[in-house]
Amino acid sequence: ALVCRAAKIAAILCAGPILCCSEPGETVPTAVEGSQYWRLTGFRDAFHRELEALIPDRAVKIVKTEESCLRGAALAAFAEPMEAL
């Protein structure tokens, strides 16, 4: 039950940007990093089931990445601060 719940939460978090940034029928590449997706028994299948239920009109292509969180954190650390609105 815990794996299914985690997969549902992950699918919801992925579905939002996919819906905002793509058109129906489009294949959307999605970068995935981490052992939860790649090694946790049952997670990957549950994630894809949940994602298909949330966005049935879009295809998702999973792209395996390495250290993308670390690179994103480094870019954020050196980025210029945003001005207050």
N, C-alpha and C. Protein backbone atom coordinates (compact mmCIF):
# COMPACT_ATOMS: atom_id res chain seq x y z
N ALA A 1 0.82 -1.20 0.00
CA ALA A 1 0.00 0.00 0.00
C ALA A 1 0.87 1.26 0.00
N LEU A 2 1.99 1.21 0.71
CA LEU A 2 2.88 2.35 0.79
C LEU A 2 3.51 2.66 -0.58
N VAL A 3 3.89 1.62 -1.30
CA VAL A 3 4.48 1.80 -2.63
C VAL A 3 3.44 2.39 -3.59
N CYS A 4 2.22 1.89 -3.52
CA CYS A 4 1.17 2.42 -4.40
C CYS A 4 0.87 3.88 -4.09
N ARG A 5 0.86 4.23 -2.82
CA ARG A 5 0.61 5.62 -2.44
C ARG A 5 1.75 6.53 -2.91
N ALA A 6 2.99 6.08 -2.75
CA ALA A 6 4.14 6.86 -3.22
C ALA A 6 4.10 7.02 -4.73
N ALA A 7 3.71 5.98 -5.45
CA ALA A 7 3.61 6.06 -6.91
C ALA A 7 2.53 7.05 -7.33
N LYS A 8 1.42 7.06 -6.60
CA LYS A 8 0.33 7.99 -6.92
C LYS A 8 0.79 9.43 -6.71
N ILE A 9 1.48 9.70 -5.61
CA ILE A 9 1.96 11.05 -5.34
C ILE A 9 2.97 11.48 -6.40
N ALA A 10 3.90 10.59 -6.76
CA ALA A 10 4.89 10.91 -7.79
C ALA A 10 4.22 11.17 -9.13
N ALA A 11 3.21 10.39 -9.47
CA ALA A 11 2.50 10.58 -10.74
C ALA A 11 1.76 11.92 -10.77
N ILE A 12 1.16 12.29 -9.65
CA ILE A 12 0.47 13.58 -9.58
C ILE A 12 1.47 14.72 -9.77
N LEU A 13 2.63 14.62 -9.12
CA LEU A 13 3.64 15.66 -9.25
C LEU A 13 4.20 15.76 -10.67
N CYS A 14 4.25 14.65 -11.37
CA CYS A 14 4.74 14.67 -12.76
C CYS A 14 3.65 15.11 -13.73
N ALA A 15 2.41 14.80 -13.44
CA ALA A 15 1.32 15.09 -14.38
C ALA A 15 1.08 16.58 -14.56
N GLY A 16 1.24 17.37 -13.50
CA GLY A 16 0.98 18.81 -13.60
C GLY A 16 1.80 19.50 -14.67
N PRO A 17 3.13 19.43 -14.59
CA PRO A 17 3.94 20.07 -15.63
C PRO A 17 3.72 19.47 -17.03
N ILE A 18 3.45 18.18 -17.09
CA ILE A 18 3.20 17.56 -18.40
C ILE A 18 1.94 18.14 -19.02
N LEU A 19 0.89 18.30 -18.23
CA LEU A 19 -0.35 18.88 -18.74
C LEU A 19 -0.18 20.34 -19.15
N CYS A 20 0.63 21.08 -18.40
CA CYS A 20 0.83 22.51 -18.72
C CYS A 20 1.72 22.74 -19.92
N CYS A 21 2.63 21.83 -20.18
CA CYS A 21 3.67 22.09 -21.19
C CYS A 21 3.58 21.20 -22.41
N SER A 22 2.49 20.50 -22.61
CA SER A 22 2.38 19.64 -23.79
C SER A 22 0.95 19.64 -24.31
N GLU A 23 0.80 19.12 -25.51
CA GLU A 23 -0.49 19.03 -26.17
C GLU A 23 -0.96 17.57 -26.17
N PRO A 24 -2.27 17.34 -26.24
CA PRO A 24 -2.76 15.96 -26.33
C PRO A 24 -2.15 15.23 -27.52
N GLY A 25 -1.80 13.97 -27.30
CA GLY A 25 -1.19 13.15 -28.33
C GLY A 25 0.32 13.26 -28.40
N GLU A 26 0.88 14.19 -27.68
CA GLU A 26 2.32 14.43 -27.70
C GLU A 26 3.04 13.45 -26.78
N THR A 27 4.25 13.03 -27.19
CA THR A 27 5.11 12.22 -26.34
C THR A 27 6.02 13.15 -25.55
N VAL A 28 6.01 13.01 -24.25
CA VAL A 28 6.74 13.93 -23.38
C VAL A 28 7.92 13.19 -22.73
N PRO A 29 9.16 13.62 -22.99
CA PRO A 29 10.28 13.01 -22.30
C PRO A 29 10.32 13.48 -20.85
N THR A 30 10.52 12.55 -19.93
CA THR A 30 10.53 12.86 -18.51
C THR A 30 11.79 12.26 -17.89
N ALA A 31 12.60 13.11 -17.29
CA ALA A 31 13.85 12.66 -16.66
C ALA A 31 13.53 12.04 -15.31
N VAL A 32 14.08 10.86 -15.09
CA VAL A 32 13.87 10.15 -13.83
C VAL A 32 15.23 9.75 -13.26
N GLU A 33 15.40 10.05 -11.99
CA GLU A 33 16.64 9.71 -11.30
C GLU A 33 16.29 9.07 -9.97
N GLY A 34 17.04 8.11 -9.54
CA GLY A 34 16.87 7.58 -8.20
C GLY A 34 16.45 6.14 -8.12
N SER A 35 16.82 5.55 -7.00
CA SER A 35 16.57 4.13 -6.80
C SER A 35 15.10 3.83 -6.53
N GLN A 36 14.33 4.80 -6.06
CA GLN A 36 12.92 4.52 -5.81
C GLN A 36 12.24 4.10 -7.10
N TYR A 37 12.46 4.80 -8.18
CA TYR A 37 11.84 4.44 -9.46
C TYR A 37 12.47 3.18 -10.05
N TRP A 38 13.79 3.11 -10.06
CA TRP A 38 14.48 2.05 -10.77
C TRP A 38 14.56 0.73 -10.02
N ARG A 39 14.55 0.76 -8.68
CA ARG A 39 14.79 -0.48 -7.93
C ARG A 39 13.69 -0.92 -6.97
N LEU A 40 12.80 -0.03 -6.57
CA LEU A 40 11.77 -0.39 -5.61
C LEU A 40 10.72 -1.28 -6.28
N THR A 41 10.56 -2.47 -5.76
CA THR A 41 9.65 -3.45 -6.35
C THR A 41 8.22 -2.92 -6.42
N GLY A 42 7.67 -2.93 -7.62
CA GLY A 42 6.30 -2.53 -7.84
C GLY A 42 6.08 -1.04 -8.09
N PHE A 43 7.07 -0.22 -7.78
CA PHE A 43 6.88 1.23 -7.90
C PHE A 43 6.71 1.66 -9.35
N ARG A 44 7.58 1.19 -10.22
CA ARG A 44 7.56 1.62 -11.61
C ARG A 44 6.22 1.31 -12.29
N ASP A 45 5.74 0.09 -12.10
CA ASP A 45 4.46 -0.29 -12.70
C ASP A 45 3.31 0.54 -12.13
N ALA A 46 3.31 0.73 -10.81
CA ALA A 46 2.25 1.53 -10.18
C ALA A 46 2.31 2.98 -10.64
N PHE A 47 3.51 3.51 -10.78
CA PHE A 47 3.69 4.88 -11.25
C PHE A 47 3.10 5.05 -12.65
N HIS A 48 3.40 4.14 -13.55
CA HIS A 48 2.89 4.23 -14.92
C HIS A 48 1.38 4.05 -14.97
N ARG A 49 0.83 3.18 -14.14
CA ARG A 49 -0.63 3.04 -14.09
C ARG A 49 -1.29 4.33 -13.64
N GLU A 50 -0.75 4.94 -12.60
CA GLU A 50 -1.32 6.18 -12.08
C GLU A 50 -1.18 7.31 -13.10
N LEU A 51 -0.03 7.40 -13.75
CA LEU A 51 0.20 8.44 -14.74
C LEU A 51 -0.73 8.27 -15.93
N GLU A 52 -0.94 7.05 -16.35
CA GLU A 52 -1.86 6.78 -17.47
C GLU A 52 -3.29 7.16 -17.09
N ALA A 53 -3.65 6.94 -15.84
CA ALA A 53 -5.00 7.31 -15.40
C ALA A 53 -5.17 8.83 -15.35
N LEU A 54 -4.11 9.54 -15.01
CA LEU A 54 -4.18 11.00 -14.89
C LEU A 54 -4.12 11.70 -16.25
N ILE A 55 -3.27 11.20 -17.14
CA ILE A 55 -3.08 11.85 -18.45
C ILE A 55 -3.14 10.79 -19.56
N PRO A 56 -4.33 10.26 -19.84
CA PRO A 56 -4.43 9.19 -20.85
C PRO A 56 -4.17 9.66 -22.28
N ASP A 57 -4.22 10.97 -22.52
CA ASP A 57 -4.05 11.47 -23.88
C ASP A 57 -2.61 11.87 -24.21
N ARG A 58 -1.68 11.57 -23.33
CA ARG A 58 -0.27 11.88 -23.57
C ARG A 58 0.60 10.67 -23.27
N ALA A 59 1.65 10.50 -24.07
CA ALA A 59 2.60 9.42 -23.83
C ALA A 59 3.82 10.00 -23.11
N VAL A 60 4.36 9.23 -22.19
CA VAL A 60 5.51 9.68 -21.41
C VAL A 60 6.68 8.76 -21.74
N LYS A 61 7.80 9.36 -22.14
CA LYS A 61 9.02 8.60 -22.41
C LYS A 61 9.97 8.87 -21.24
N ILE A 62 10.31 7.83 -20.51
CA ILE A 62 11.19 7.96 -19.35
C ILE A 62 12.64 7.99 -19.83
N VAL A 63 13.38 8.99 -19.34
CA VAL A 63 14.79 9.15 -19.67
C VAL A 63 15.57 9.04 -18.37
N LYS A 64 16.47 8.06 -18.30
CA LYS A 64 17.28 7.87 -17.08
C LYS A 64 18.37 8.94 -17.03
N THR A 65 18.48 9.61 -15.89
CA THR A 65 19.49 10.64 -15.71
C THR A 65 20.38 10.30 -14.53
N GLU A 66 21.53 10.90 -14.51
CA GLU A 66 22.49 10.72 -13.41
C GLU A 66 22.82 12.07 -12.80
N GLU A 67 22.66 12.21 -11.52
CA GLU A 67 23.04 13.40 -10.75
C GLU A 67 22.36 14.68 -11.24
N SER A 68 21.15 14.58 -11.76
CA SER A 68 20.47 15.79 -12.23
C SER A 68 20.07 16.69 -11.07
N CYS A 69 19.74 16.12 -9.93
CA CYS A 69 19.40 16.95 -8.76
C CYS A 69 20.61 17.74 -8.29
N LEU A 70 21.76 17.10 -8.30
CA LEU A 70 22.99 17.78 -7.90
C LEU A 70 23.32 18.92 -8.86
N ARG A 71 23.17 18.68 -10.15
CA ARG A 71 23.43 19.73 -11.13
C ARG A 71 22.44 20.88 -11.00
N GLY A 72 21.18 20.57 -10.77
CA GLY A 72 20.17 21.61 -10.60
C GLY A 72 20.43 22.45 -9.35
N ALA A 73 20.86 21.80 -8.28
CA ALA A 73 21.18 22.53 -7.05
C ALA A 73 22.38 23.45 -7.27
N ALA A 74 23.37 22.99 -8.02
CA ALA A 74 24.54 23.82 -8.30
C ALA A 74 24.16 25.03 -9.15
N LEU A 75 23.32 24.83 -10.14
CA LEU A 75 22.86 25.95 -10.95
C LEU A 75 22.08 26.95 -10.12
N ALA A 76 21.23 26.45 -9.25
CA ALA A 76 20.44 27.34 -8.39
C ALA A 76 21.33 28.14 -7.44
N ALA A 77 22.39 27.51 -6.96
CA ALA A 77 23.28 28.19 -6.02
C ALA A 77 24.02 29.36 -6.67
N PHE A 78 24.31 29.23 -7.95
CA PHE A 78 25.06 30.28 -8.64
C PHE A 78 24.17 31.22 -9.45
N ALA A 79 22.88 31.01 -9.43
CA ALA A 79 21.95 31.86 -10.18
C ALA A 79 21.79 33.21 -9.50
N GLU A 80 21.43 34.19 -10.29
CA GLU A 80 21.15 35.52 -9.76
C GLU A 80 19.85 35.48 -8.98
N PRO A 81 19.80 36.14 -7.83
CA PRO A 81 18.53 36.15 -7.07
C PRO A 81 17.44 36.89 -7.84
N MET A 82 16.22 36.41 -7.71
CA MET A 82 15.09 37.08 -8.37
C MET A 82 14.69 38.29 -7.56
N GLU A 83 14.31 39.34 -8.25
CA GLU A 83 13.84 40.54 -7.55
C GLU A 83 12.43 40.32 -7.05
N ALA A 84 12.13 40.92 -5.93
CA ALA A 84 10.78 40.80 -5.37
C ALA A 84 9.79 41.52 -6.28
N LEU A 85 8.61 40.96 -6.38
CA LEU A 85 7.59 41.56 -7.23
C LEU A 85 6.96 42.76 -6.60
